[in-house]
Amino acid sequence: MFVIVVYDIEQERVNNVNKFLKRFLNWRQNSVFEGKIQESQFEKIKSGIKELIDENTDSVYFYILPSDKYLSIEVLGIERNPRENIL
């Protein structure tokens, strides 16, 4: 599966969430991560994020695609951390 994670969380938790997500996914820009992962890794990500955030004030969105072959990216302006540099 291919996952895109977007978050809006309180500043004091940003570094912890960022470090945690870097263990599983590629950082794209500010609060956006993406990557191809297994279902078991996705479950670890969800449970780990749940421990790091405050569900009453923070938001984390998971966009899930069956694979990256369905992904089309179009960028306006400067592309940060292009995918071809990561793969």
C-alpha atoms as a PDB file:
ATOM      1  CA  MET A   1       0.000   0.000   0.000  1.00  0.00           C
ATOM      2  CA  PHE A   2       1.068   3.596  -0.567  1.00  0.00           C
ATOM      3  CA  VAL A   3       0.303   6.039   2.256  1.00  0.00           C
ATOM      4  CA  ILE A   4       0.384   9.817   2.474  1.00  0.00           C
ATOM      5  CA  VAL A   5       0.279  11.227   6.009  1.00  0.00           C
ATOM      6  CA  VAL A   6      -0.602  14.863   6.636  1.00  0.00           C
ATOM      7  CA  TYR A   7      -0.757  16.286  10.126  1.00  0.00           C
ATOM      8  CA  ASP A   8      -1.671  19.486  11.944  1.00  0.00           C
ATOM      9  CA  ILE A   9      -0.543  19.182  15.549  1.00  0.00           C
ATOM     10  CA  GLU A  10       0.474  21.463  18.401  1.00  0.00           C
ATOM     11  CA  GLN A  11       4.049  22.762  18.117  1.00  0.00           C
ATOM     12  CA  GLU A  12       5.345  20.973  21.231  1.00  0.00           C
ATOM     13  CA  ARG A  13       4.607  17.564  19.645  1.00  0.00           C
ATOM     14  CA  VAL A  14       5.861  18.250  16.109  1.00  0.00           C
ATOM     15  CA  ASN A  15       9.431  16.993  16.597  1.00  0.00           C
ATOM     16  CA  ASN A  16       8.337  13.722  18.194  1.00  0.00           C
ATOM     17  CA  VAL A  17       5.820  12.988  15.451  1.00  0.00           C
ATOM     18  CA  ASN A  18       8.326  13.952  12.755  1.00  0.00           C
ATOM     19  CA  LYS A  19      11.029  11.647  14.179  1.00  0.00           C
ATOM     20  CA  PHE A  20       8.550   8.799  14.539  1.00  0.00           C
ATOM     21  CA  LEU A  21       7.235   9.044  10.973  1.00  0.00           C
ATOM     22  CA  LYS A  22      10.766   9.203   9.520  1.00  0.00           C
ATOM     23  CA  ARG A  23      11.236   5.634  10.766  1.00  0.00           C
ATOM     24  CA  PHE A  24       8.607   4.397   8.284  1.00  0.00           C
ATOM     25  CA  LEU A  25       8.000   7.018   5.590  1.00  0.00           C
ATOM     26  CA  ASN A  26       9.762   9.596   3.426  1.00  0.00           C
ATOM     27  CA  TRP A  27       9.472  13.241   4.409  1.00  0.00           C
ATOM     28  CA  ARG A  28       8.068  15.393   1.607  1.00  0.00           C
ATOM     29  CA  GLN A  29       7.516  18.813   3.126  1.00  0.00           C
ATOM     30  CA  ASN A  30       6.755  20.276   6.549  1.00  0.00           C
ATOM     31  CA  SER A  31       3.979  18.025   7.869  1.00  0.00           C
ATOM     32  CA  VAL A  32       3.680  15.657   4.890  1.00  0.00           C
ATOM     33  CA  PHE A  33       5.116  12.141   4.686  1.00  0.00           C
ATOM     34  CA  GLU A  34       4.642   9.410   2.086  1.00  0.00           C
ATOM     35  CA  GLY A  35       5.783   5.925   1.314  1.00  0.00           C
ATOM     36  CA  LYS A  36       5.109   2.375   0.311  1.00  0.00           C
ATOM     37  CA  ILE A  37       4.573   0.230   3.413  1.00  0.00           C
ATOM     38  CA  GLN A  38       3.079  -3.053   4.557  1.00  0.00           C
ATOM     39  CA  GLU A  39      -0.250  -3.290   6.399  1.00  0.00           C
ATOM     40  CA  SER A  40       1.601  -4.236   9.607  1.00  0.00           C
ATOM     41  CA  GLN A  41       3.737  -1.094   9.366  1.00  0.00           C
ATOM     42  CA  PHE A  42       0.605   0.992   8.843  1.00  0.00           C
ATOM     43  CA  GLU A  43      -0.874  -0.417  12.044  1.00  0.00           C
ATOM     44  CA  LYS A  44       2.364   0.437  13.915  1.00  0.00           C
ATOM     45  CA  ILE A  45       2.234   3.966  12.545  1.00  0.00           C
ATOM     46  CA  LYS A  46      -1.367   4.472  13.635  1.00  0.00           C
ATOM     47  CA  SER A  47      -0.805   3.139  17.145  1.00  0.00           C
ATOM     48  CA  GLY A  48       2.454   5.087  17.537  1.00  0.00           C
ATOM     49  CA  ILE A  49       0.876   8.339  16.381  1.00  0.00           C
ATOM     50  CA  LYS A  50      -2.018   7.788  18.764  1.00  0.00           C
ATOM     51  CA  GLU A  51       0.449   7.727  21.660  1.00  0.00           C
ATOM     52  CA  LEU A  52       2.168  10.938  20.519  1.00  0.00           C
ATOM     53  CA  ILE A  53      -0.763  13.233  19.775  1.00  0.00           C
ATOM     54  CA  ASP A  54      -3.646  14.755  21.679  1.00  0.00           C
ATOM     55  CA  GLU A  55      -6.744  13.605  19.808  1.00  0.00           C
ATOM     56  CA  ASN A  56      -8.719  16.546  21.242  1.00  0.00           C
ATOM     57  CA  THR A  57      -6.540  19.193  19.547  1.00  0.00           C
ATOM     58  CA  ASP A  58      -4.424  17.487  16.844  1.00  0.00           C
ATOM     59  CA  SER A  59      -5.322  16.100  13.412  1.00  0.00           C
ATOM     60  CA  VAL A  60      -3.608  13.386  11.382  1.00  0.00           C
ATOM     61  CA  TYR A  61      -4.898  12.348   7.946  1.00  0.00           C
ATOM     62  CA  PHE A  62      -3.959   9.095   6.211  1.00  0.00           C
ATOM     63  CA  TYR A  63      -4.493   8.910   2.444  1.00  0.00           C
ATOM     64  CA  ILE A  64      -4.214   5.284   1.350  1.00  0.00           C
ATOM     65  CA  LEU A  65      -3.709   3.968  -2.181  1.00  0.00           C
ATOM     66  CA  PRO A  66      -3.388   0.297  -3.121  1.00  0.00           C
ATOM     67  CA  SER A  67       0.069   1.041  -4.598  1.00  0.00           C
ATOM     68  CA  ASP A  68       2.149   3.938  -5.879  1.00  0.00           C
ATOM     69  CA  LYS A  69       1.279   3.114  -9.508  1.00  0.00           C
ATOM     70  CA  TYR A  70      -1.970   5.063  -8.992  1.00  0.00           C
ATOM     71  CA  LEU A  71      -0.100   8.110  -7.717  1.00  0.00           C
ATOM     72  CA  SER A  72       0.321  11.156  -9.915  1.00  0.00           C
ATOM     73  CA  ILE A  73       2.056  14.202  -8.470  1.00  0.00           C
ATOM     74  CA  GLU A  74       1.986  17.671  -9.960  1.00  0.00           C
ATOM     75  CA  VAL A  75       3.963  20.415  -8.225  1.00  0.00           C
ATOM     76  CA  LEU A  76       3.679  24.172  -8.597  1.00  0.00           C
ATOM     77  CA  GLY A  77       6.714  26.080  -7.366  1.00  0.00           C
ATOM     78  CA  ILE A  78       9.712  24.433  -5.715  1.00  0.00           C
ATOM     79  CA  GLU A  79       9.521  20.697  -5.157  1.00  0.00           C
ATOM     80  CA  ARG A  80      10.954  19.787  -1.784  1.00  0.00           C
ATOM     81  CA  ASN A  81      12.575  16.354  -1.376  1.00  0.00           C
ATOM     82  CA  PRO A  82      11.740  15.014  -4.850  1.00  0.00           C
ATOM     83  CA  ARG A  83      10.840  11.325  -4.962  1.00  0.00           C
ATOM     84  CA  GLU A  84      13.563  10.401  -7.427  1.00  0.00           C
ATOM     85  CA  ASN A  85      16.162  11.459  -4.831  1.00  0.00           C
ATOM     86  CA  ILE A  86      14.639   9.133  -2.240  1.00  0.00           C
ATOM     87  CA  LEU A  87      14.207   6.007  -4.322  1.00  0.00           C
END
